[in-house]
C-alpha atoms as a PDB file:
ATOM      1  CA  UNK A   1     -19.605  18.630   4.170  1.00  0.00           C
ATOM      2  CA  UNK A   2     -18.763  19.812   0.505  1.00  0.00           C
ATOM      3  CA  UNK A   3     -16.310  18.073  -1.742  1.00  0.00           C
ATOM      4  CA  UNK A   4     -14.167  19.204  -4.809  1.00  0.00           C
ATOM      5  CA  UNK A   5     -13.997  17.023  -7.944  1.00  0.00           C
ATOM      6  CA  UNK A   6     -11.633  18.360 -10.203  1.00  0.00           C
ATOM      7  CA  UNK A   7     -10.718  16.440 -13.751  1.00  0.00           C
ATOM      8  CA  UNK A   8      -7.718  17.921 -15.363  1.00  0.00           C
ATOM      9  CA  UNK A   9      -4.216  17.341 -16.658  1.00  0.00           C
ATOM     10  CA  UNK A  10      -1.536  17.167 -14.168  1.00  0.00           C
ATOM     11  CA  UNK A  11       1.928  16.962 -15.596  1.00  0.00           C
ATOM     12  CA  UNK A  12       0.615  15.407 -18.906  1.00  0.00           C
ATOM     13  CA  UNK A  13      -1.411  12.926 -16.950  1.00  0.00           C
ATOM     14  CA  UNK A  14      -5.233  12.956 -16.834  1.00  0.00           C
ATOM     15  CA  UNK A  15      -6.101  12.738 -13.301  1.00  0.00           C
ATOM     16  CA  UNK A  16      -9.371  13.229 -11.190  1.00  0.00           C
ATOM     17  CA  UNK A  17      -9.184  14.712  -7.626  1.00  0.00           C
ATOM     18  CA  UNK A  18     -11.422  14.343  -5.129  1.00  0.00           C
ATOM     19  CA  UNK A  19     -11.269  16.138  -1.589  1.00  0.00           C
ATOM     20  CA  UNK A  20     -12.792  18.321   0.999  1.00  0.00           C
ATOM     21  CA  UNK A  21     -13.455  21.854   0.316  1.00  0.00           C
ATOM     22  CA  UNK A  22     -12.488  24.137   3.026  1.00  0.00           C
ATOM     23  CA  UNK A  23     -10.471  21.561   4.843  1.00  0.00           C
ATOM     24  CA  UNK A  24      -8.456  24.144   6.601  1.00  0.00           C
ATOM     25  CA  UNK A  25      -5.201  22.124   6.391  1.00  0.00           C
ATOM     26  CA  UNK A  26      -3.296  20.437   3.744  1.00  0.00           C
ATOM     27  CA  UNK A  27      -4.652  16.743   3.222  1.00  0.00           C
ATOM     28  CA  UNK A  28      -2.649  13.435   3.056  1.00  0.00           C
ATOM     29  CA  UNK A  29      -2.290  12.548  -0.644  1.00  0.00           C
ATOM     30  CA  UNK A  30      -3.541   8.979  -1.842  1.00  0.00           C
ATOM     31  CA  UNK A  31      -3.014   8.056  -5.248  1.00  0.00           C
ATOM     32  CA  UNK A  32      -5.806   5.432  -6.863  1.00  0.00           C
ATOM     33  CA  UNK A  33      -4.591   3.205  -9.424  1.00  0.00           C
ATOM     34  CA  UNK A  34      -7.349   1.297 -11.645  1.00  0.00           C
ATOM     35  CA  UNK A  35      -7.477  -2.116 -13.421  1.00  0.00           C
ATOM     36  CA  UNK A  36      -6.907  -3.338 -16.762  1.00  0.00           C
ATOM     37  CA  UNK A  37      -9.435  -1.939 -19.277  1.00  0.00           C
ATOM     38  CA  UNK A  38     -10.821   0.401 -16.687  1.00  0.00           C
ATOM     39  CA  UNK A  39      -9.827   4.185 -16.342  1.00  0.00           C
ATOM     40  CA  UNK A  40      -9.818   6.714 -13.586  1.00  0.00           C
ATOM     41  CA  UNK A  41     -13.693   7.614 -13.727  1.00  0.00           C
ATOM     42  CA  UNK A  42     -14.578   4.335 -12.683  1.00  0.00           C
ATOM     43  CA  UNK A  43     -12.718   4.666  -9.187  1.00  0.00           C
ATOM     44  CA  UNK A  44     -14.913   7.762  -8.281  1.00  0.00           C
ATOM     45  CA  UNK A  45     -16.941   6.169  -5.678  1.00  0.00           C
ATOM     46  CA  UNK A  46     -14.260   4.442  -3.865  1.00  0.00           C
ATOM     47  CA  UNK A  47     -12.394   7.798  -3.884  1.00  0.00           C
ATOM     48  CA  UNK A  48     -15.163   9.676  -2.643  1.00  0.00           C
ATOM     49  CA  UNK A  49     -14.889   7.234   0.734  1.00  0.00           C
ATOM     50  CA  UNK A  50     -11.359   7.986   0.593  1.00  0.00           C
ATOM     51  CA  UNK A  51     -11.854  11.843   0.575  1.00  0.00           C
ATOM     52  CA  UNK A  52     -14.891  11.476   3.191  1.00  0.00           C
ATOM     53  CA  UNK A  53     -12.132  10.046   5.256  1.00  0.00           C
ATOM     54  CA  UNK A  54      -9.733  13.075   4.919  1.00  0.00           C
ATOM     55  CA  UNK A  55      -7.895  12.152   2.223  1.00  0.00           C
ATOM     56  CA  UNK A  56      -6.772  14.145  -0.840  1.00  0.00           C
ATOM     57  CA  UNK A  57      -7.411  11.503  -3.579  1.00  0.00           C
ATOM     58  CA  UNK A  58      -5.910  11.662  -7.082  1.00  0.00           C
ATOM     59  CA  UNK A  59      -7.271   9.003  -9.368  1.00  0.00           C
ATOM     60  CA  UNK A  60      -5.115   8.769 -12.759  1.00  0.00           C
ATOM     61  CA  UNK A  61      -5.534   7.005 -16.177  1.00  0.00           C
ATOM     62  CA  UNK A  62      -2.629   4.505 -16.522  1.00  0.00           C
ATOM     63  CA  UNK A  63      -0.648   3.977 -19.880  1.00  0.00           C
ATOM     64  CA  UNK A  64      -2.974   3.471 -22.918  1.00  0.00           C
ATOM     65  CA  UNK A  65      -6.056   3.734 -20.616  1.00  0.00           C
ATOM     66  CA  UNK A  66      -8.631   6.413 -20.406  1.00  0.00           C
ATOM     67  CA  UNK A  67      -7.585   9.522 -21.875  1.00  0.00           C
ATOM     68  CA  UNK A  68      -4.386   8.267 -22.645  1.00  0.00           C
ATOM     69  CA  UNK A  69      -5.563   5.279 -24.622  1.00  0.00           C
ATOM     70  CA  UNK A  70      -3.573   5.329 -28.091  1.00  0.00           C
ATOM     71  CA  UNK A  71      -4.865   4.717 -31.679  1.00  0.00           C
ATOM     72  CA  UNK A  72      -2.582   1.939 -32.015  1.00  0.00           C
ATOM     73  CA  UNK A  73      -3.330   0.267 -28.702  1.00  0.00           C
ATOM     74  CA  UNK A  74      -6.924   0.690 -29.406  1.00  0.00           C
ATOM     75  CA  UNK A  75      -6.518  -1.140 -32.695  1.00  0.00           C
ATOM     76  CA  UNK A  76      -5.030  -4.260 -30.819  1.00  0.00           C
ATOM     77  CA  UNK A  77      -6.980  -7.288 -30.727  1.00  0.00           C
ATOM     78  CA  UNK A  78      -8.231  -8.437 -27.210  1.00  0.00           C
ATOM     79  CA  UNK A  79      -5.091 -10.948 -26.705  1.00  0.00           C
ATOM     80  CA  UNK A  80      -2.821  -8.435 -27.971  1.00  0.00           C
ATOM     81  CA  UNK A  81      -3.849  -5.956 -25.566  1.00  0.00           C
ATOM     82  CA  UNK A  82      -3.734  -8.257 -22.629  1.00  0.00           C
ATOM     83  CA  UNK A  83      -0.369  -9.162 -23.554  1.00  0.00           C
ATOM     84  CA  UNK A  84       0.745  -5.389 -23.119  1.00  0.00           C
ATOM     85  CA  UNK A  85      -0.192  -5.850 -19.492  1.00  0.00           C
ATOM     86  CA  UNK A  86       3.017  -5.884 -17.897  1.00  0.00           C
ATOM     87  CA  UNK A  87       4.508  -3.070 -20.237  1.00  0.00           C
ATOM     88  CA  UNK A  88       1.791  -0.841 -18.916  1.00  0.00           C
ATOM     89  CA  UNK A  89       2.455  -1.526 -15.430  1.00  0.00           C
ATOM     90  CA  UNK A  90       5.806  -0.779 -15.848  1.00  0.00           C
ATOM     91  CA  UNK A  91       5.335   2.395 -17.925  1.00  0.00           C
ATOM     92  CA  UNK A  92       2.739   3.578 -15.089  1.00  0.00           C
ATOM     93  CA  UNK A  93       5.111   2.471 -12.251  1.00  0.00           C
ATOM     94  CA  UNK A  94       7.651   5.198 -13.607  1.00  0.00           C
ATOM     95  CA  UNK A  95       5.690   7.829 -13.652  1.00  0.00           C
ATOM     96  CA  UNK A  96       4.090   8.071  -9.905  1.00  0.00           C
ATOM     97  CA  UNK A  97       6.919   9.901  -8.701  1.00  0.00           C
ATOM     98  CA  UNK A  98       6.490  12.548 -11.195  1.00  0.00           C
ATOM     99  CA  UNK A  99       2.671  12.579 -10.496  1.00  0.00           C
ATOM    100  CA  UNK A 100       3.675  13.302  -6.761  1.00  0.00           C
ATOM    101  CA  UNK A 101       5.975  15.821  -7.729  1.00  0.00           C
ATOM    102  CA  UNK A 102       3.331  17.807  -9.443  1.00  0.00           C
ATOM    103  CA  UNK A 103       0.835  18.001  -6.355  1.00  0.00           C
ATOM    104  CA  UNK A 104       3.806  19.464  -4.392  1.00  0.00           C
ATOM    105  CA  UNK A 105       2.782  22.677  -5.178  1.00  0.00           C
ATOM    106  CA  UNK A 106      -1.112  22.029  -4.812  1.00  0.00           C
ATOM    107  CA  UNK A 107      -2.598  24.199  -2.019  1.00  0.00           C
ATOM    108  CA  UNK A 108      -4.808  21.559  -0.706  1.00  0.00           C
ATOM    109  CA  UNK A 109      -2.490  18.501  -1.035  1.00  0.00           C
ATOM    110  CA  UNK A 110       0.293  17.253   1.621  1.00  0.00           C
ATOM    111  CA  UNK A 111       2.856  15.317  -0.647  1.00  0.00           C
ATOM    112  CA  UNK A 112       5.027  14.548   2.695  1.00  0.00           C
ATOM    113  CA  UNK A 113       2.613  12.029   3.083  1.00  0.00           C
ATOM    114  CA  UNK A 114       1.264   9.846   0.298  1.00  0.00           C
ATOM    115  CA  UNK A 115      -0.120   6.336   0.381  1.00  0.00           C
ATOM    116  CA  UNK A 116      -0.902   4.362  -2.502  1.00  0.00           C
ATOM    117  CA  UNK A 117      -4.238   2.139  -3.509  1.00  0.00           C
ATOM    118  CA  UNK A 118      -4.358   0.297  -6.675  1.00  0.00           C
ATOM    119  CA  UNK A 119      -6.725  -2.690  -7.847  1.00  0.00           C
ATOM    120  CA  UNK A 120      -6.071  -5.492  -9.990  1.00  0.00           C
ATOM    121  CA  UNK A 121      -3.315  -4.234 -12.396  1.00  0.00           C
ATOM    122  CA  UNK A 122      -3.275  -1.085 -10.620  1.00  0.00           C
ATOM    123  CA  UNK A 123      -2.337  -3.300  -7.421  1.00  0.00           C
ATOM    124  CA  UNK A 124       0.332  -5.058  -9.546  1.00  0.00           C
ATOM    125  CA  UNK A 125       1.524  -1.392 -10.360  1.00  0.00           C
ATOM    126  CA  UNK A 126       1.669  -0.666  -6.725  1.00  0.00           C
ATOM    127  CA  UNK A 127       3.494  -3.557  -5.625  1.00  0.00           C
ATOM    128  CA  UNK A 128       6.196  -2.893  -8.279  1.00  0.00           C
ATOM    129  CA  UNK A 129       6.578   0.570  -7.459  1.00  0.00           C
ATOM    130  CA  UNK A 130       7.167  -0.127  -3.807  1.00  0.00           C
ATOM    131  CA  UNK A 131       9.925  -2.520  -4.650  1.00  0.00           C
ATOM    132  CA  UNK A 132      11.721  -0.408  -7.477  1.00  0.00           C
ATOM    133  CA  UNK A 133      10.671   3.361  -7.349  1.00  0.00           C
ATOM    134  CA  UNK A 134       9.191   4.257  -3.681  1.00  0.00           C
ATOM    135  CA  UNK A 135      10.136   7.854  -2.549  1.00  0.00           C
ATOM    136  CA  UNK A 136      10.640   8.550   0.890  1.00  0.00           C
ATOM    137  CA  UNK A 137       7.227  10.450   1.241  1.00  0.00           C
ATOM    138  CA  UNK A 138       5.150   7.299   0.471  1.00  0.00           C
ATOM    139  CA  UNK A 139       3.989   5.786   3.813  1.00  0.00           C
ATOM    140  CA  UNK A 140       1.846   3.241   2.899  1.00  0.00           C
ATOM    141  CA  UNK A 141       0.741   0.845   0.196  1.00  0.00           C
ATOM    142  CA  UNK A 142      -2.813  -1.110  -0.079  1.00  0.00           C
ATOM    143  CA  UNK A 143      -2.805  -3.424  -3.163  1.00  0.00           C
ATOM    144  CA  UNK A 144      -6.237  -5.103  -3.758  1.00  0.00           C
ATOM    145  CA  UNK A 145      -7.073  -7.620  -5.855  1.00  0.00           C
ATOM    146  CA  UNK A 146      -3.509  -7.944  -7.286  1.00  0.00           C
ATOM    147  CA  UNK A 147      -0.457 -10.074  -7.230  1.00  0.00           C
ATOM    148  CA  UNK A 148       3.300  -9.555  -6.722  1.00  0.00           C
ATOM    149  CA  UNK A 149       4.077 -13.086  -8.199  1.00  0.00           C
ATOM    150  CA  UNK A 150       4.246 -12.580 -12.006  1.00  0.00           C
ATOM    151  CA  UNK A 151       6.527 -15.123 -13.620  1.00  0.00           C
ATOM    152  CA  UNK A 152       4.326 -18.189 -12.729  1.00  0.00           C
ATOM    153  CA  UNK A 153       1.176 -16.540 -13.061  1.00  0.00           C
ATOM    154  CA  UNK A 154       2.033 -15.552 -16.728  1.00  0.00           C
ATOM    155  CA  UNK A 155       3.183 -19.072 -17.622  1.00  0.00           C
ATOM    156  CA  UNK A 156       0.155 -20.454 -16.354  1.00  0.00           C
ATOM    157  CA  UNK A 157      -2.002 -18.205 -18.303  1.00  0.00           C
ATOM    158  CA  UNK A 158       0.000 -19.107 -21.367  1.00  0.00           C
ATOM    159  CA  UNK A 159      -0.666 -22.747 -20.718  1.00  0.00           C
ATOM    160  CA  UNK A 160      -4.427 -22.158 -20.279  1.00  0.00           C
ATOM    161  CA  UNK A 161      -5.000 -20.181 -23.471  1.00  0.00           C
ATOM    162  CA  UNK A 162      -2.125 -21.055 -26.323  1.00  0.00           C
ATOM    163  CA  UNK A 163      -3.176 -17.555 -28.216  1.00  0.00           C
ATOM    164  CA  UNK A 164      -0.904 -15.567 -25.558  1.00  0.00           C
ATOM    165  CA  UNK A 165       2.222 -17.688 -26.654  1.00  0.00           C
ATOM    166  CA  UNK A 166       3.501 -15.714 -29.374  1.00  0.00           C
ATOM    167  CA  UNK A 167       3.747 -12.752 -27.557  1.00  0.00           C
ATOM    168  CA  UNK A 168       5.807 -13.873 -24.561  1.00  0.00           C
ATOM    169  CA  UNK A 169       9.214 -15.081 -25.949  1.00  0.00           C
ATOM    170  CA  UNK A 170      12.027 -16.040 -23.754  1.00  0.00           C
ATOM    171  CA  UNK A 171      13.300 -12.337 -23.628  1.00  0.00           C
ATOM    172  CA  UNK A 172      10.035 -10.905 -22.451  1.00  0.00           C
ATOM    173  CA  UNK A 173       9.294 -13.479 -19.686  1.00  0.00           C
ATOM    174  CA  UNK A 174      12.971 -13.012 -18.421  1.00  0.00           C
ATOM    175  CA  UNK A 175      12.120  -9.280 -18.458  1.00  0.00           C
ATOM    176  CA  UNK A 176       8.889  -9.964 -16.528  1.00  0.00           C
ATOM    177  CA  UNK A 177      10.911 -12.461 -13.990  1.00  0.00           C
ATOM    178  CA  UNK A 178      13.457  -9.671 -13.406  1.00  0.00           C
ATOM    179  CA  UNK A 179      10.578  -6.769 -12.398  1.00  0.00           C
ATOM    180  CA  UNK A 180       8.681  -9.331 -10.251  1.00  0.00           C
ATOM    181  CA  UNK A 181       8.071  -7.463  -7.042  1.00  0.00           C
ATOM    182  CA  UNK A 182       7.980 -10.620  -4.891  1.00  0.00           C
ATOM    183  CA  UNK A 183      11.815 -11.303  -5.654  1.00  0.00           C
ATOM    184  CA  UNK A 184      12.474  -7.895  -4.109  1.00  0.00           C
ATOM    185  CA  UNK A 185      10.796  -8.519  -0.593  1.00  0.00           C
ATOM    186  CA  UNK A 186      13.680  -6.813   1.192  1.00  0.00           C
ATOM    187  CA  UNK A 187      13.124  -3.597  -0.417  1.00  0.00           C
ATOM    188  CA  UNK A 188       9.688  -3.562   1.413  1.00  0.00           C
ATOM    189  CA  UNK A 189      10.698  -4.736   5.015  1.00  0.00           C
ATOM    190  CA  UNK A 190       8.951  -3.031   7.824  1.00  0.00           C
ATOM    191  CA  UNK A 191       7.268  -0.675   4.986  1.00  0.00           C
ATOM    192  CA  UNK A 192       3.344  -0.377   6.042  1.00  0.00           C
ATOM    193  CA  UNK A 193       1.711  -2.699   3.483  1.00  0.00           C
ATOM    194  CA  UNK A 194      -2.118  -4.169   3.268  1.00  0.00           C
ATOM    195  CA  UNK A 195      -2.495  -6.631   1.160  1.00  0.00           C
ATOM    196  CA  UNK A 196      -6.259  -7.568   0.311  1.00  0.00           C
ATOM    197  CA  UNK A 197      -7.767 -10.573  -2.077  1.00  0.00           C
ATOM    198  CA  UNK A 198     -10.643 -12.497  -2.710  1.00  0.00           C
ATOM    199  CA  UNK A 199     -10.280 -16.273  -1.895  1.00  0.00           C
ATOM    200  CA  UNK A 200     -12.276 -17.171  -5.059  1.00  0.00           C
ATOM    201  CA  UNK A 201     -10.186 -14.962  -7.279  1.00  0.00           C
ATOM    202  CA  UNK A 202      -9.856 -16.635 -10.728  1.00  0.00           C
ATOM    203  CA  UNK A 203      -7.281 -14.261 -12.188  1.00  0.00           C
ATOM    204  CA  UNK A 204      -5.020 -13.510  -8.857  1.00  0.00           C
ATOM    205  CA  UNK A 205      -4.407 -16.923  -7.493  1.00  0.00           C
ATOM    206  CA  UNK A 206      -5.157 -16.733  -3.605  1.00  0.00           C
ATOM    207  CA  UNK A 207      -2.108 -19.359  -3.297  1.00  0.00           C
ATOM    208  CA  UNK A 208       0.447 -16.888  -4.237  1.00  0.00           C
ATOM    209  CA  UNK A 209      -0.829 -14.265  -2.144  1.00  0.00           C
ATOM    210  CA  UNK A 210      -0.639 -16.387   0.823  1.00  0.00           C
ATOM    211  CA  UNK A 211       2.528 -17.625   0.003  1.00  0.00           C
ATOM    212  CA  UNK A 212       3.795 -13.877  -0.189  1.00  0.00           C
ATOM    213  CA  UNK A 213       2.260 -13.167   2.940  1.00  0.00           C
ATOM    214  CA  UNK A 214       4.238 -15.897   4.689  1.00  0.00           C
ATOM    215  CA  UNK A 215       7.324 -14.781   3.407  1.00  0.00           C
ATOM    216  CA  UNK A 216       6.670 -11.038   4.186  1.00  0.00           C
ATOM    217  CA  UNK A 217       5.523 -11.668   7.699  1.00  0.00           C
ATOM    218  CA  UNK A 218       9.047 -13.429   8.042  1.00  0.00           C
ATOM    219  CA  UNK A 219      11.467 -10.408   7.252  1.00  0.00           C
ATOM    220  CA  UNK A 220       8.843  -7.994   8.962  1.00  0.00           C
ATOM    221  CA  UNK A 221      10.496  -7.011  12.338  1.00  0.00           C
ATOM    222  CA  UNK A 222       7.493  -4.430  13.089  1.00  0.00           C
ATOM    223  CA  UNK A 223       4.865  -6.972  12.660  1.00  0.00           C
ATOM    224  CA  UNK A 224       1.971  -4.469  12.707  1.00  0.00           C
ATOM    225  CA  UNK A 225       3.264  -2.673   9.636  1.00  0.00           C
ATOM    226  CA  UNK A 226       2.231  -5.618   7.306  1.00  0.00           C
ATOM    227  CA  UNK A 227      -1.282  -7.395   6.990  1.00  0.00           C
ATOM    228  CA  UNK A 228      -3.007  -9.621   4.766  1.00  0.00           C
ATOM    229  CA  UNK A 229      -6.675  -9.966   4.322  1.00  0.00           C
ATOM    230  CA  UNK A 230      -8.062 -12.843   2.288  1.00  0.00           C
ATOM    231  CA  UNK A 231     -12.333 -12.693   1.893  1.00  0.00           C
ATOM    232  CA  UNK A 232     -14.132 -16.037   1.506  1.00  0.00           C
ATOM    233  CA  UNK A 233     -16.773 -16.082  -1.599  1.00  0.00           C
ATOM    234  CA  UNK A 234     -15.388 -13.098  -3.254  1.00  0.00           C
ATOM    235  CA  UNK A 235     -13.828 -13.306  -6.565  1.00  0.00           C
ATOM    236  CA  UNK A 236     -12.069 -10.679  -8.542  1.00  0.00           C
ATOM    237  CA  UNK A 237     -13.930  -7.567  -7.162  1.00  0.00           C
ATOM    238  CA  UNK A 238     -12.673  -5.046  -5.010  1.00  0.00           C
ATOM    239  CA  UNK A 239     -15.777  -4.557  -2.702  1.00  0.00           C
ATOM    240  CA  UNK A 240     -16.665  -1.788  -0.288  1.00  0.00           C
ATOM    241  CA  UNK A 241     -15.586  -3.472   2.713  1.00  0.00           C
ATOM    242  CA  UNK A 242     -11.955  -3.820   1.311  1.00  0.00           C
ATOM    243  CA  UNK A 243     -11.874   0.080   0.910  1.00  0.00           C
ATOM    244  CA  UNK A 244     -13.127   0.547   4.601  1.00  0.00           C
ATOM    245  CA  UNK A 245     -10.304  -1.808   5.597  1.00  0.00           C
ATOM    246  CA  UNK A 246      -7.849   0.450   3.582  1.00  0.00           C
ATOM    247  CA  UNK A 247      -9.552   3.413   5.133  1.00  0.00           C
ATOM    248  CA  UNK A 248      -8.602   1.942   8.749  1.00  0.00           C
ATOM    249  CA  UNK A 249      -5.260   1.285   7.875  1.00  0.00           C
ATOM    250  CA  UNK A 250      -4.366   4.490   6.499  1.00  0.00           C
ATOM    251  CA  UNK A 251      -5.399   6.300   9.951  1.00  0.00           C
ATOM    252  CA  UNK A 252      -2.260   4.636  11.333  1.00  0.00           C
ATOM    253  CA  UNK A 253       0.252   6.053   8.830  1.00  0.00           C
ATOM    254  CA  UNK A 254      -1.224   8.925   7.123  1.00  0.00           C
ATOM    255  CA  UNK A 255      -3.537  10.954   9.243  1.00  0.00           C
END
């Protein structure tokens, strides 16, 4: 089996496409969103696993990451860059539909069947997108090691490290609260959603994810459309097992 790996600019966004050559049909699309401080190329191995399973995978750079890194952002301190996390998420979330539109003319991509997978910051972006901007062609989402609970998370972070306090005034905290995906559960009722996280994740508290899962299960009338997997002895790491679980999940909604 031969594969095509195509690195290019797509509608102004640097992307990395991975898909089977000569598949003989258009392939369902999976957009792959990376984490904070990462870039699309670091998702190549997991993108290959997805492509091997029969998907057209598009990994792309988030705002101010990878080939989209600006000189202004690059010059910031580590604390300043981390304080931009939610701005990066919101900007990236808003670009997803335009990326899908670009692929509507690709001869190998079937944009009537689209799935989203993201890790860490990418998972947080997936949560935001499906609660705020989800297009009808997006049939499934698979956030990995990310949280839809934002306000309490960042407030805890500030208390743990007061260096962040100057970058989160009341106005910014209120904006984060307004955009928090966990507040928009009704927007995803019965939408196929697979949530995965490590129990020992030091960045994304497992209690938040378990609480979210409990609330989601209450509003889903199609119980089979929601799944939550927590992995013991796993920290903030997107494992091969999580990707394999995502591939199995996709079979029900994209193939």
